[in-house]
C-alpha atoms as a PDB file:
ATOM      1  CA  MET A   1      78.769 129.428 158.331  1.00  0.00           C
ATOM      2  CA  LYS A   2      81.194 132.355 157.900  1.00  0.00           C
ATOM      3  CA  LYS A   3      78.440 134.831 158.844  1.00  0.00           C
ATOM      4  CA  ASN A   4      77.586 132.835 161.990  1.00  0.00           C
ATOM      5  CA  ILE A   5      81.243 132.766 163.072  1.00  0.00           C
ATOM      6  CA  LYS A   6      81.455 136.538 162.591  1.00  0.00           C
ATOM      7  CA  LYS A   7      78.316 137.092 164.686  1.00  0.00           C
ATOM      8  CA  LEU A   8      79.706 134.811 167.391  1.00  0.00           C
ATOM      9  CA  LEU A   9      82.984 136.745 167.529  1.00  0.00           C
ATOM     10  CA  LEU A  10      81.111 140.063 167.768  1.00  0.00           C
ATOM     11  CA  LEU A  11      78.990 138.628 170.572  1.00  0.00           C
ATOM     12  CA  ILE A  12      82.106 137.476 172.423  1.00  0.00           C
ATOM     13  CA  VAL A  13      83.649 140.975 172.163  1.00  0.00           C
ATOM     14  CA  THR A  14      80.426 142.526 173.477  1.00  0.00           C
ATOM     15  CA  VAL A  15      80.178 140.076 176.376  1.00  0.00           C
ATOM     16  CA  ILE A  16      83.796 140.720 177.401  1.00  0.00           C
ATOM     17  CA  PHE A  17      83.222 144.481 177.510  1.00  0.00           C
ATOM     18  CA  LEU A  18      79.909 144.078 179.355  1.00  0.00           C
ATOM     19  CA  TYR A  19      81.647 141.930 181.963  1.00  0.00           C
ATOM     20  CA  PHE A  20      83.979 144.815 182.835  1.00  0.00           C
ATOM     21  CA  VAL A  21      81.110 147.325 182.605  1.00  0.00           C
ATOM     22  CA  PHE A  22      79.038 145.473 185.218  1.00  0.00           C
ATOM     23  CA  LEU A  23      81.973 144.308 187.333  1.00  0.00           C
ATOM     24  CA  ASN A  24      81.522 145.607 190.925  1.00  0.00           C
ATOM     25  CA  LEU A  25      78.517 147.662 189.800  1.00  0.00           C
ATOM     26  CA  ASP A  26      75.783 148.606 192.276  1.00  0.00           C
ATOM     27  CA  ILE A  27      72.570 148.060 190.251  1.00  0.00           C
ATOM     28  CA  ARG A  28      70.358 149.827 192.790  1.00  0.00           C
ATOM     29  CA  GLU A  29      72.627 152.872 192.722  1.00  0.00           C
ATOM     30  CA  LEU A  30      72.554 152.793 188.906  1.00  0.00           C
ATOM     31  CA  ILE A  31      68.728 152.906 188.911  1.00  0.00           C
ATOM     32  CA  VAL A  32      68.751 155.780 191.425  1.00  0.00           C
ATOM     33  CA  LYS A  33      71.196 157.747 189.264  1.00  0.00           C
ATOM     34  CA  MET A  34      69.145 157.214 186.098  1.00  0.00           C
ATOM     35  CA  LYS A  35      66.092 158.671 187.829  1.00  0.00           C
ATOM     36  CA  GLU A  36      68.053 161.836 188.623  1.00  0.00           C
ATOM     37  CA  PHE A  37      68.123 162.943 184.975  1.00  0.00           C
ATOM     38  CA  ASN A  38      66.043 166.060 184.318  1.00  0.00           C
ATOM     39  CA  PRO A  39      63.899 165.185 181.243  1.00  0.00           C
ATOM     40  CA  LEU A  40      63.758 168.861 180.180  1.00  0.00           C
ATOM     41  CA  TYR A  41      67.347 168.487 178.968  1.00  0.00           C
ATOM     42  CA  ALA A  42      66.263 165.779 176.521  1.00  0.00           C
ATOM     43  CA  PHE A  43      64.858 168.515 174.252  1.00  0.00           C
ATOM     44  CA  PHE A  44      68.188 170.361 174.184  1.00  0.00           C
ATOM     45  CA  LEU A  45      69.995 167.108 173.483  1.00  0.00           C
ATOM     46  CA  VAL A  46      67.753 166.365 170.490  1.00  0.00           C
ATOM     47  CA  CYS A  47      68.412 169.881 169.115  1.00  0.00           C
ATOM     48  CA  SER A  48      72.162 169.371 169.514  1.00  0.00           C
ATOM     49  CA  ILE A  49      71.990 165.987 167.752  1.00  0.00           C
ATOM     50  CA  VAL A  50      70.127 167.493 164.794  1.00  0.00           C
ATOM     51  CA  CYS A  51      72.594 170.417 164.573  1.00  0.00           C
ATOM     52  CA  SER A  52      75.461 167.940 164.498  1.00  0.00           C
ATOM     53  CA  PHE A  53      73.930 166.159 161.507  1.00  0.00           C
ATOM     54  CA  ILE A  54      73.221 169.440 159.733  1.00  0.00           C
ATOM     55  CA  CYS A  55      76.977 170.104 159.931  1.00  0.00           C
ATOM     56  CA  ARG A  56      77.697 166.593 158.644  1.00  0.00           C
ATOM     57  CA  SER A  57      75.293 167.115 155.757  1.00  0.00           C
ATOM     58  CA  VAL A  58      76.973 170.389 154.727  1.00  0.00           C
ATOM     59  CA  SER A  59      80.374 168.715 154.969  1.00  0.00           C
ATOM     60  CA  PHE A  60      79.265 165.774 152.830  1.00  0.00           C
ATOM     61  CA  LYS A  61      77.697 168.109 150.283  1.00  0.00           C
ATOM     62  CA  TYR A  62      81.049 169.844 149.767  1.00  0.00           C
ATOM     63  CA  LEU A  63      82.940 166.541 149.697  1.00  0.00           C
ATOM     64  CA  MET A  64      80.650 165.321 146.895  1.00  0.00           C
ATOM     65  CA  SER A  65      80.340 168.669 145.081  1.00  0.00           C
ATOM     66  CA  ASN A  66      82.791 167.747 142.303  1.00  0.00           C
ATOM     67  CA  THR A  67      80.620 164.748 141.439  1.00  0.00           C
ATOM     68  CA  VAL A  68      77.001 165.680 142.128  1.00  0.00           C
ATOM     69  CA  LYS A  69      75.042 168.614 143.562  1.00  0.00           C
ATOM     70  CA  LEU A  70      73.353 167.421 146.739  1.00  0.00           C
ATOM     71  CA  ASN A  71      70.704 169.206 148.787  1.00  0.00           C
ATOM     72  CA  VAL A  72      71.351 169.675 152.509  1.00  0.00           C
ATOM     73  CA  LYS A  73      67.616 169.309 153.195  1.00  0.00           C
ATOM     74  CA  GLU A  74      67.791 165.813 151.683  1.00  0.00           C
ATOM     75  CA  LEU A  75      71.121 164.913 153.287  1.00  0.00           C
ATOM     76  CA  VAL A  76      70.083 165.632 156.893  1.00  0.00           C
ATOM     77  CA  PRO A  77      67.480 162.806 157.121  1.00  0.00           C
ATOM     78  CA  LEU A  78      69.788 160.552 155.070  1.00  0.00           C
ATOM     79  CA  CYS A  79      72.683 161.108 157.494  1.00  0.00           C
ATOM     80  CA  LEU A  80      70.392 160.578 160.494  1.00  0.00           C
ATOM     81  CA  THR A  81      69.132 157.362 158.914  1.00  0.00           C
ATOM     82  CA  GLY A  82      72.708 156.248 158.310  1.00  0.00           C
ATOM     83  CA  ALA A  83      73.524 156.967 161.954  1.00  0.00           C
ATOM     84  CA  SER A  84      70.520 154.911 163.052  1.00  0.00           C
ATOM     85  CA  LEU A  85      71.654 151.961 160.930  1.00  0.00           C
ATOM     86  CA  ASN A  86      75.197 152.309 162.299  1.00  0.00           C
ATOM     87  CA  ILE A  87      73.686 151.927 165.762  1.00  0.00           C
ATOM     88  CA  VAL A  88      71.295 149.014 165.175  1.00  0.00           C
ATOM     89  CA  LEU A  89      73.426 147.078 162.667  1.00  0.00           C
ATOM     90  CA  PRO A  90      77.105 146.120 162.970  1.00  0.00           C
ATOM     91  CA  ALA A  91      80.005 146.927 160.583  1.00  0.00           C
ATOM     92  CA  ARG A  92      79.082 150.597 159.979  1.00  0.00           C
ATOM     93  CA  ALA A  93      76.072 149.537 157.914  1.00  0.00           C
ATOM     94  CA  GLY A  94      74.792 153.115 157.818  1.00  0.00           C
ATOM     95  CA  ASP A  95      77.832 154.259 155.838  1.00  0.00           C
ATOM     96  CA  ILE A  96      77.208 151.496 153.297  1.00  0.00           C
ATOM     97  CA  PHE A  97      73.561 152.543 153.057  1.00  0.00           C
ATOM     98  CA  ARG A  98      74.452 156.195 152.493  1.00  0.00           C
ATOM     99  CA  ALA A  99      76.752 155.237 149.610  1.00  0.00           C
ATOM    100  CA  PHE A 100      74.143 152.833 148.209  1.00  0.00           C
ATOM    101  CA  PHE A 101      71.303 155.373 148.359  1.00  0.00           C
ATOM    102  CA  ILE A 102      73.177 158.289 146.761  1.00  0.00           C
ATOM    103  CA  GLY A 103      74.812 156.049 144.152  1.00  0.00           C
ATOM    104  CA  GLN A 104      71.478 154.558 143.120  1.00  0.00           C
ATOM    105  CA  LYS A 105      69.532 157.825 143.132  1.00  0.00           C
ATOM    106  CA  TYR A 106      72.083 159.862 141.159  1.00  0.00           C
ATOM    107  CA  ASN A 107      73.391 156.998 139.017  1.00  0.00           C
ATOM    108  CA  ILE A 108      76.999 157.295 140.155  1.00  0.00           C
ATOM    109  CA  SER A 109      79.429 154.695 141.437  1.00  0.00           C
ATOM    110  CA  LYS A 110      78.446 153.505 144.899  1.00  0.00           C
ATOM    111  CA  MET A 111      82.080 152.668 145.592  1.00  0.00           C
ATOM    112  CA  LYS A 112      83.039 156.265 144.744  1.00  0.00           C
ATOM    113  CA  VAL A 113      80.479 157.580 147.230  1.00  0.00           C
ATOM    114  CA  PHE A 114      81.784 155.124 149.827  1.00  0.00           C
ATOM    115  CA  GLY A 115      85.296 156.448 149.169  1.00  0.00           C
ATOM    116  CA  THR A 116      84.002 159.935 149.966  1.00  0.00           C
ATOM    117  CA  VAL A 117      82.439 158.605 153.193  1.00  0.00           C
ATOM    118  CA  ILE A 118      85.835 157.189 154.180  1.00  0.00           C
ATOM    119  CA  LEU A 119      87.466 160.557 153.393  1.00  0.00           C
ATOM    120  CA  GLU A 120      84.857 162.183 155.630  1.00  0.00           C
ATOM    121  CA  ARG A 121      85.953 159.882 158.461  1.00  0.00           C
ATOM    122  CA  MET A 122      89.546 160.942 157.879  1.00  0.00           C
ATOM    123  CA  PHE A 123      88.580 164.577 158.464  1.00  0.00           C
ATOM    124  CA  ASP A 124      86.767 163.422 161.614  1.00  0.00           C
ATOM    125  CA  THR A 125      89.996 161.829 162.826  1.00  0.00           C
ATOM    126  CA  PHE A 126      91.879 165.086 162.234  1.00  0.00           C
ATOM    127  CA  VAL A 127      89.338 167.115 164.221  1.00  0.00           C
ATOM    128  CA  ILE A 128      89.263 164.570 167.066  1.00  0.00           C
ATOM    129  CA  PHE A 129      93.046 164.779 167.270  1.00  0.00           C
ATOM    130  CA  CYS A 130      92.920 168.600 167.434  1.00  0.00           C
ATOM    131  CA  LEU A 131      90.278 168.619 170.178  1.00  0.00           C
ATOM    132  CA  LEU A 132      92.102 165.960 172.148  1.00  0.00           C
ATOM    133  CA  LEU A 133      95.325 167.957 171.861  1.00  0.00           C
ATOM    134  CA  ILE A 134      93.516 171.020 173.221  1.00  0.00           C
ATOM    135  CA  ALA A 135      92.077 169.008 176.101  1.00  0.00           C
ATOM    136  CA  ILE A 136      95.454 167.536 177.063  1.00  0.00           C
ATOM    137  CA  SER A 137      97.389 170.787 176.666  1.00  0.00           C
ATOM    138  CA  PHE A 138      95.066 172.941 178.777  1.00  0.00           C
ATOM    139  CA  TYR A 139      92.988 170.727 181.052  1.00  0.00           C
ATOM    140  CA  HIS A 140      94.215 167.235 181.829  1.00  0.00           C
ATOM    141  CA  LYS A 141      97.710 166.050 180.963  1.00  0.00           C
ATOM    142  CA  THR A 142      98.146 162.422 182.072  1.00  0.00           C
ATOM    143  CA  PRO A 143     100.075 159.460 180.608  1.00  0.00           C
ATOM    144  CA  LEU A 144      96.833 157.804 179.434  1.00  0.00           C
ATOM    145  CA  ALA A 145      95.565 160.977 177.781  1.00  0.00           C
ATOM    146  CA  SER A 146      98.942 161.554 176.122  1.00  0.00           C
ATOM    147  CA  GLN A 147      98.971 157.982 174.766  1.00  0.00           C
ATOM    148  CA  LEU A 148      95.467 158.455 173.416  1.00  0.00           C
ATOM    149  CA  CYS A 149      96.536 161.679 171.728  1.00  0.00           C
ATOM    150  CA  CYS A 150      99.561 159.971 170.170  1.00  0.00           C
ATOM    151  CA  PHE A 151      97.350 157.181 168.839  1.00  0.00           C
ATOM    152  CA  ALA A 152      94.928 159.699 167.327  1.00  0.00           C
ATOM    153  CA  GLY A 153      97.817 161.694 165.841  1.00  0.00           C
ATOM    154  CA  ILE A 154      99.403 158.631 164.227  1.00  0.00           C
ATOM    155  CA  SER A 155      96.017 157.523 162.852  1.00  0.00           C
ATOM    156  CA  MET A 156      95.351 160.996 161.458  1.00  0.00           C
ATOM    157  CA  PHE A 157      98.782 161.168 159.807  1.00  0.00           C
ATOM    158  CA  ALA A 158      98.409 157.681 158.320  1.00  0.00           C
ATOM    159  CA  PHE A 159      94.914 158.473 156.975  1.00  0.00           C
ATOM    160  CA  ALA A 160      96.121 161.758 155.472  1.00  0.00           C
ATOM    161  CA  LEU A 161      99.035 160.068 153.684  1.00  0.00           C
ATOM    162  CA  PHE A 162      96.764 157.281 152.454  1.00  0.00           C
ATOM    163  CA  ALA A 163      94.193 159.726 151.059  1.00  0.00           C
ATOM    164  CA  PHE A 164      96.753 161.981 149.375  1.00  0.00           C
ATOM    165  CA  PHE A 165      98.920 159.303 147.752  1.00  0.00           C
ATOM    166  CA  SER A 166      95.944 157.094 146.832  1.00  0.00           C
ATOM    167  CA  TYR A 167      94.346 159.910 144.853  1.00  0.00           C
ATOM    168  CA  LYS A 168      97.435 161.739 143.612  1.00  0.00           C
ATOM    169  CA  TYR A 169      99.513 158.710 142.641  1.00  0.00           C
ATOM    170  CA  ASN A 170      96.925 156.046 141.902  1.00  0.00           C
ATOM    171  CA  LYS A 171      98.822 153.108 140.359  1.00  0.00           C
ATOM    172  CA  THR A 172      95.920 150.677 140.329  1.00  0.00           C
ATOM    173  CA  ASP A 173      95.792 150.511 136.509  1.00  0.00           C
ATOM    174  CA  ALA A 174      99.509 149.768 136.243  1.00  0.00           C
ATOM    175  CA  ILE A 175      99.427 147.133 138.988  1.00  0.00           C
ATOM    176  CA  CYS A 176      96.388 145.369 137.512  1.00  0.00           C
ATOM    177  CA  ALA A 177      97.898 145.498 134.008  1.00  0.00           C
ATOM    178  CA  PHE A 178     101.056 143.848 135.388  1.00  0.00           C
ATOM    179  CA  LEU A 179      98.991 141.141 137.120  1.00  0.00           C
ATOM    180  CA  THR A 180      97.059 140.539 133.892  1.00  0.00           C
ATOM    181  CA  ARG A 181     100.304 139.960 131.947  1.00  0.00           C
ATOM    182  CA  LEU A 182     101.732 137.839 134.747  1.00  0.00           C
ATOM    183  CA  THR A 183      98.719 135.498 134.803  1.00  0.00           C
ATOM    184  CA  ALA A 184      98.225 135.341 131.021  1.00  0.00           C
ATOM    185  CA  ASN A 185      99.277 131.664 130.850  1.00  0.00           C
ATOM    186  CA  PHE A 186      97.758 130.589 134.168  1.00  0.00           C
ATOM    187  CA  PRO A 187      94.960 128.007 134.318  1.00  0.00           C
ATOM    188  CA  PHE A 188      91.564 129.751 134.421  1.00  0.00           C
ATOM    189  CA  ALA A 189      93.263 132.918 133.134  1.00  0.00           C
ATOM    190  CA  GLU A 190      89.978 134.325 131.831  1.00  0.00           C
ATOM    191  CA  GLN A 191      88.318 134.118 135.262  1.00  0.00           C
ATOM    192  CA  ILE A 192      91.420 135.579 136.928  1.00  0.00           C
ATOM    193  CA  HIS A 193      91.438 138.511 134.495  1.00  0.00           C
ATOM    194  CA  LYS A 194      87.758 139.196 135.167  1.00  0.00           C
ATOM    195  CA  LEU A 195      88.545 139.362 138.891  1.00  0.00           C
ATOM    196  CA  ILE A 196      91.518 141.663 138.232  1.00  0.00           C
ATOM    197  CA  ASN A 197      89.379 143.978 136.083  1.00  0.00           C
ATOM    198  CA  PHE A 198      86.672 144.057 138.719  1.00  0.00           C
ATOM    199  CA  THR A 199      89.242 144.902 141.408  1.00  0.00           C
ATOM    200  CA  ASN A 200      90.749 147.581 139.169  1.00  0.00           C
ATOM    201  CA  ASN A 201      87.396 149.284 138.535  1.00  0.00           C
ATOM    202  CA  THR A 202      86.390 149.045 142.193  1.00  0.00           C
ATOM    203  CA  CYS A 203      89.668 150.551 143.479  1.00  0.00           C
ATOM    204  CA  ASN A 204      89.595 153.361 140.913  1.00  0.00           C
ATOM    205  CA  SER A 205      86.014 154.232 141.836  1.00  0.00           C
ATOM    206  CA  PHE A 206      86.894 154.195 145.539  1.00  0.00           C
ATOM    207  CA  PHE A 207      89.929 156.458 145.133  1.00  0.00           C
ATOM    208  CA  ASN A 208      87.946 158.823 142.881  1.00  0.00           C
ATOM    209  CA  GLY A 209      85.855 159.507 145.969  1.00  0.00           C
ATOM    210  CA  PHE A 210      88.839 161.502 147.264  1.00  0.00           C
ATOM    211  CA  GLU A 211      88.674 163.968 144.358  1.00  0.00           C
ATOM    212  CA  VAL A 212      87.783 166.940 146.573  1.00  0.00           C
ATOM    213  CA  ILE A 213      91.485 166.921 147.516  1.00  0.00           C
ATOM    214  CA  ALA A 214      92.086 168.410 144.056  1.00  0.00           C
ATOM    215  CA  THR A 215      89.901 171.418 145.042  1.00  0.00           C
ATOM    216  CA  PRO A 216      91.657 172.963 148.077  1.00  0.00           C
ATOM    217  CA  SER A 217      89.211 175.907 148.182  1.00  0.00           C
ATOM    218  CA  LYS A 218      86.470 173.566 149.451  1.00  0.00           C
ATOM    219  CA  LEU A 219      88.516 171.989 152.224  1.00  0.00           C
ATOM    220  CA  PRO A 220      88.191 174.868 154.770  1.00  0.00           C
ATOM    221  CA  VAL A 221      84.393 174.463 154.727  1.00  0.00           C
ATOM    222  CA  VAL A 222      84.716 170.699 155.201  1.00  0.00           C
ATOM    223  CA  ILE A 223      87.126 171.139 158.114  1.00  0.00           C
ATOM    224  CA  ALA A 224      84.939 173.849 159.689  1.00  0.00           C
ATOM    225  CA  MET A 225      81.886 171.592 159.478  1.00  0.00           C
ATOM    226  CA  SER A 226      83.860 168.701 160.976  1.00  0.00           C
ATOM    227  CA  PHE A 227      84.721 170.935 163.936  1.00  0.00           C
ATOM    228  CA  GLY A 228      81.024 171.785 164.134  1.00  0.00           C
ATOM    229  CA  ILE A 229      80.065 168.102 164.187  1.00  0.00           C
ATOM    230  CA  TRP A 230      82.360 167.245 167.052  1.00  0.00           C
ATOM    231  CA  THR A 231      81.671 170.446 168.959  1.00  0.00           C
ATOM    232  CA  PHE A 232      78.017 169.447 169.043  1.00  0.00           C
ATOM    233  CA  GLU A 233      79.063 165.919 170.053  1.00  0.00           C
ATOM    234  CA  CYS A 234      80.840 167.488 173.023  1.00  0.00           C
ATOM    235  CA  LEU A 235      77.789 169.652 173.706  1.00  0.00           C
ATOM    236  CA  ASN A 236      75.654 166.487 173.847  1.00  0.00           C
ATOM    237  CA  TYR A 237      77.568 165.303 176.880  1.00  0.00           C
ATOM    238  CA  TYR A 238      77.702 168.709 178.499  1.00  0.00           C
ATOM    239  CA  ILE A 239      73.903 168.742 178.284  1.00  0.00           C
ATOM    240  CA  MET A 240      73.908 165.314 179.957  1.00  0.00           C
ATOM    241  CA  ILE A 241      76.212 166.632 182.699  1.00  0.00           C
ATOM    242  CA  LEU A 242      73.787 169.480 183.339  1.00  0.00           C
ATOM    243  CA  GLY A 243      70.800 167.133 183.108  1.00  0.00           C
ATOM    244  CA  PHE A 244      72.261 164.943 185.850  1.00  0.00           C
ATOM    245  CA  GLY A 245      73.179 167.978 187.948  1.00  0.00           C
ATOM    246  CA  LEU A 246      76.909 167.204 188.001  1.00  0.00           C
ATOM    247  CA  ASP A 247      79.370 169.913 188.978  1.00  0.00           C
ATOM    248  CA  ILE A 248      82.343 169.052 186.752  1.00  0.00           C
ATOM    249  CA  HIS A 249      84.310 171.013 184.185  1.00  0.00           C
ATOM    250  CA  TRP A 250      83.049 171.111 180.597  1.00  0.00           C
ATOM    251  CA  SER A 251      86.434 169.843 179.364  1.00  0.00           C
ATOM    252  CA  VAL A 252      85.383 166.322 180.352  1.00  0.00           C
ATOM    253  CA  THR A 253      83.297 166.311 177.178  1.00  0.00           C
ATOM    254  CA  LEU A 254      86.464 166.485 175.043  1.00  0.00           C
ATOM    255  CA  PHE A 255      87.753 163.265 176.562  1.00  0.00           C
ATOM    256  CA  ILE A 256      84.376 161.548 176.395  1.00  0.00           C
ATOM    257  CA  MET A 257      84.017 162.383 172.726  1.00  0.00           C
ATOM    258  CA  CYS A 258      87.516 161.060 171.928  1.00  0.00           C
ATOM    259  CA  PHE A 259      87.073 157.891 173.976  1.00  0.00           C
ATOM    260  CA  ILE A 260      83.730 157.170 172.290  1.00  0.00           C
ATOM    261  CA  ALA A 261      85.150 157.799 168.811  1.00  0.00           C
ATOM    262  CA  LEU A 262      87.782 155.158 169.531  1.00  0.00           C
ATOM    263  CA  ALA A 263      85.257 152.804 171.134  1.00  0.00           C
ATOM    264  CA  CYS A 264      83.076 152.892 168.011  1.00  0.00           C
ATOM    265  CA  MET A 265      86.018 151.465 166.055  1.00  0.00           C
ATOM    266  CA  VAL A 266      85.864 148.297 168.173  1.00  0.00           C
ATOM    267  CA  PRO A 267      83.761 145.581 166.473  1.00  0.00           C
ATOM    268  CA  SER A 268      80.694 144.703 168.539  1.00  0.00           C
ATOM    269  CA  THR A 269      77.044 143.818 168.213  1.00  0.00           C
ATOM    270  CA  SER A 270      74.311 146.375 167.566  1.00  0.00           C
ATOM    271  CA  ILE A 271      74.073 149.713 169.420  1.00  0.00           C
ATOM    272  CA  PHE A 272      77.813 149.550 170.256  1.00  0.00           C
ATOM    273  CA  ILE A 273      76.812 147.882 173.522  1.00  0.00           C
ATOM    274  CA  GLY A 274      79.860 147.224 175.665  1.00  0.00           C
ATOM    275  CA  PRO A 275      82.648 149.322 174.117  1.00  0.00           C
ATOM    276  CA  TYR A 276      80.450 152.449 174.238  1.00  0.00           C
ATOM    277  CA  GLN A 277      79.597 152.100 177.934  1.00  0.00           C
ATOM    278  CA  MET A 278      83.206 151.263 178.803  1.00  0.00           C
ATOM    279  CA  ALA A 279      84.404 154.398 176.968  1.00  0.00           C
ATOM    280  CA  VAL A 280      82.011 156.664 178.894  1.00  0.00           C
ATOM    281  CA  ILE A 281      82.981 155.084 182.221  1.00  0.00           C
ATOM    282  CA  ALA A 282      86.708 155.473 181.435  1.00  0.00           C
ATOM    283  CA  ALA A 283      86.319 159.117 180.358  1.00  0.00           C
ATOM    284  CA  PHE A 284      84.295 160.160 183.389  1.00  0.00           C
ATOM    285  CA  ALA A 285      86.661 158.248 185.689  1.00  0.00           C
ATOM    286  CA  ILE A 286      89.350 160.810 184.780  1.00  0.00           C
ATOM    287  CA  TYR A 287      87.234 163.339 186.699  1.00  0.00           C
ATOM    288  CA  GLY A 288      86.409 161.018 189.579  1.00  0.00           C
ATOM    289  CA  VAL A 289      82.792 160.340 188.567  1.00  0.00           C
ATOM    290  CA  ALA A 290      81.410 157.090 189.988  1.00  0.00           C
ATOM    291  CA  LYS A 291      80.883 154.147 187.675  1.00  0.00           C
ATOM    292  CA  GLU A 292      77.126 154.050 188.352  1.00  0.00           C
ATOM    293  CA  THR A 293      76.706 157.725 187.448  1.00  0.00           C
ATOM    294  CA  ALA A 294      78.751 157.411 184.248  1.00  0.00           C
ATOM    295  CA  LEU A 295      76.835 154.321 183.192  1.00  0.00           C
ATOM    296  CA  ALA A 296      73.513 156.057 183.870  1.00  0.00           C
ATOM    297  CA  ILE A 297      74.634 158.940 181.643  1.00  0.00           C
ATOM    298  CA  SER A 298      75.636 156.538 178.862  1.00  0.00           C
ATOM    299  CA  PHE A 299      72.307 154.680 178.979  1.00  0.00           C
ATOM    300  CA  VAL A 300      70.155 157.826 178.949  1.00  0.00           C
ATOM    301  CA  GLU A 301      72.214 159.588 176.253  1.00  0.00           C
ATOM    302  CA  GLN A 302      72.277 156.508 174.044  1.00  0.00           C
ATOM    303  CA  ALA A 303      68.538 155.966 174.460  1.00  0.00           C
ATOM    304  CA  ILE A 304      67.779 159.542 173.338  1.00  0.00           C
ATOM    305  CA  VAL A 305      70.140 159.240 170.347  1.00  0.00           C
ATOM    306  CA  VAL A 306      68.622 155.900 169.310  1.00  0.00           C
ATOM    307  CA  ILE A 307      65.051 157.210 169.575  1.00  0.00           C
ATOM    308  CA  THR A 308      65.845 160.436 167.679  1.00  0.00           C
ATOM    309  CA  THR A 309      67.699 158.764 164.797  1.00  0.00           C
ATOM    310  CA  SER A 310      65.294 155.809 164.625  1.00  0.00           C
ATOM    311  CA  VAL A 311      62.213 158.038 164.275  1.00  0.00           C
ATOM    312  CA  VAL A 312      63.849 159.894 161.384  1.00  0.00           C
ATOM    313  CA  ALA A 313      65.082 156.613 159.873  1.00  0.00           C
ATOM    314  CA  VAL A 314      61.609 155.028 159.892  1.00  0.00           C
ATOM    315  CA  ILE A 315      60.082 158.087 158.214  1.00  0.00           C
ATOM    316  CA  PHE A 316      62.907 158.251 155.652  1.00  0.00           C
ATOM    317  CA  LEU A 317      62.703 154.543 154.769  1.00  0.00           C
ATOM    318  CA  ILE A 318      58.904 154.691 154.414  1.00  0.00           C
ATOM    319  CA  GLN A 319      59.054 157.827 152.234  1.00  0.00           C
ATOM    320  CA  ASN A 320      61.586 156.168 149.948  1.00  0.00           C
ATOM    321  CA  ASN A 321      59.773 152.821 149.961  1.00  0.00           C
ATOM    322  CA  ILE A 322      62.748 150.953 151.425  1.00  0.00           C
ATOM    323  CA  SER A 323      62.131 147.759 153.373  1.00  0.00           C
ATOM    324  CA  TYR A 324      64.285 147.407 156.490  1.00  0.00           C
ATOM    325  CA  LYS A 325      64.361 143.626 156.065  1.00  0.00           C
ATOM    326  CA  GLU A 326      65.548 143.843 152.447  1.00  0.00           C
ATOM    327  CA  LEU A 327      68.024 146.580 153.380  1.00  0.00           C
ATOM    328  CA  LYS A 328      69.523 144.400 156.120  1.00  0.00           C
ATOM    329  CA  GLU A 329      69.841 141.456 153.729  1.00  0.00           C
ATOM    330  CA  ASP A 330      71.537 143.634 151.071  1.00  0.00           C
ATOM    331  CA  ILE A 331      74.026 144.981 153.617  1.00  0.00           C
ATOM    332  CA  GLU A 332      74.833 141.480 154.897  1.00  0.00           C
ATOM    333  CA  GLN A 333      75.411 140.307 151.305  1.00  0.00           C
ATOM    334  CA  ASN A 334      77.759 143.265 150.703  1.00  0.00           C
ATOM    335  CA  GLU A 335      79.698 142.344 153.845  1.00  0.00           C
ATOM    336  CA  GLU A 336      80.249 138.864 152.494  1.00  0.00           C
END
């Protein structure tokens, strides 16, 4: 029942966004615009996508280096598979899968790996903020862009404080010990203490995923790779601009990338349908690009990303003897 309600809410969010996406849209013009894409640019887009995930793999390798030695050659298809699952399944399922796979293969805490994935996202937020600040400072300073930059800056600052204090001053043991003493005479005390112990172990494992913070010498590489990731994300859309023959400044890609990063935080059904398209339309609107053209770009770009990541994901899952059906069921159980 709870799962069905969640799916219904996600569907409602998607439908609301799609309503605004297709509001006053000329479908015939959309089809015409989609046909204008030069398919030769699809090859360059695929190369840019792969390069982006190579950077993410190097970054993740360094983030995990205090725990386990990972191979970039192995991480690239794993990260691409995770991206594919993030697209086709809701609730960032690909991030859960990445933590599950590495934890199971190397016999380390899956929650610790997931903590490292969350730390990786914090570095992403920092880089997005920096790129957005550059875009606003030099290319397009408007009230909306400034508000977006402030939101990204506040999020980055909050994430940074959370990561630092969670790892440096972890008080989980003390808090759980206090709760154990407090509930000593409660009814069902034994069951309560089991839950407290489970929570304690889970939180400690999660915060241990931030341990790279204790090795500052590795952080420059992580930050450099994060800039590489998002630079290639920007390049993806510049390739699309060229593929559609548009004559607009490359700085539009900075706004598109930031808008999409925020849109992907909005809960929705699979493939980020709705929020993703709305983000692309809003970003291109800053430069006066018609809704039909922006939507055509979003559909073509998303289709190429889905095909690229899905092909790698299918190969990776088959090679590792992982059933998609069982994987989906495991992820849904973890969500509950």
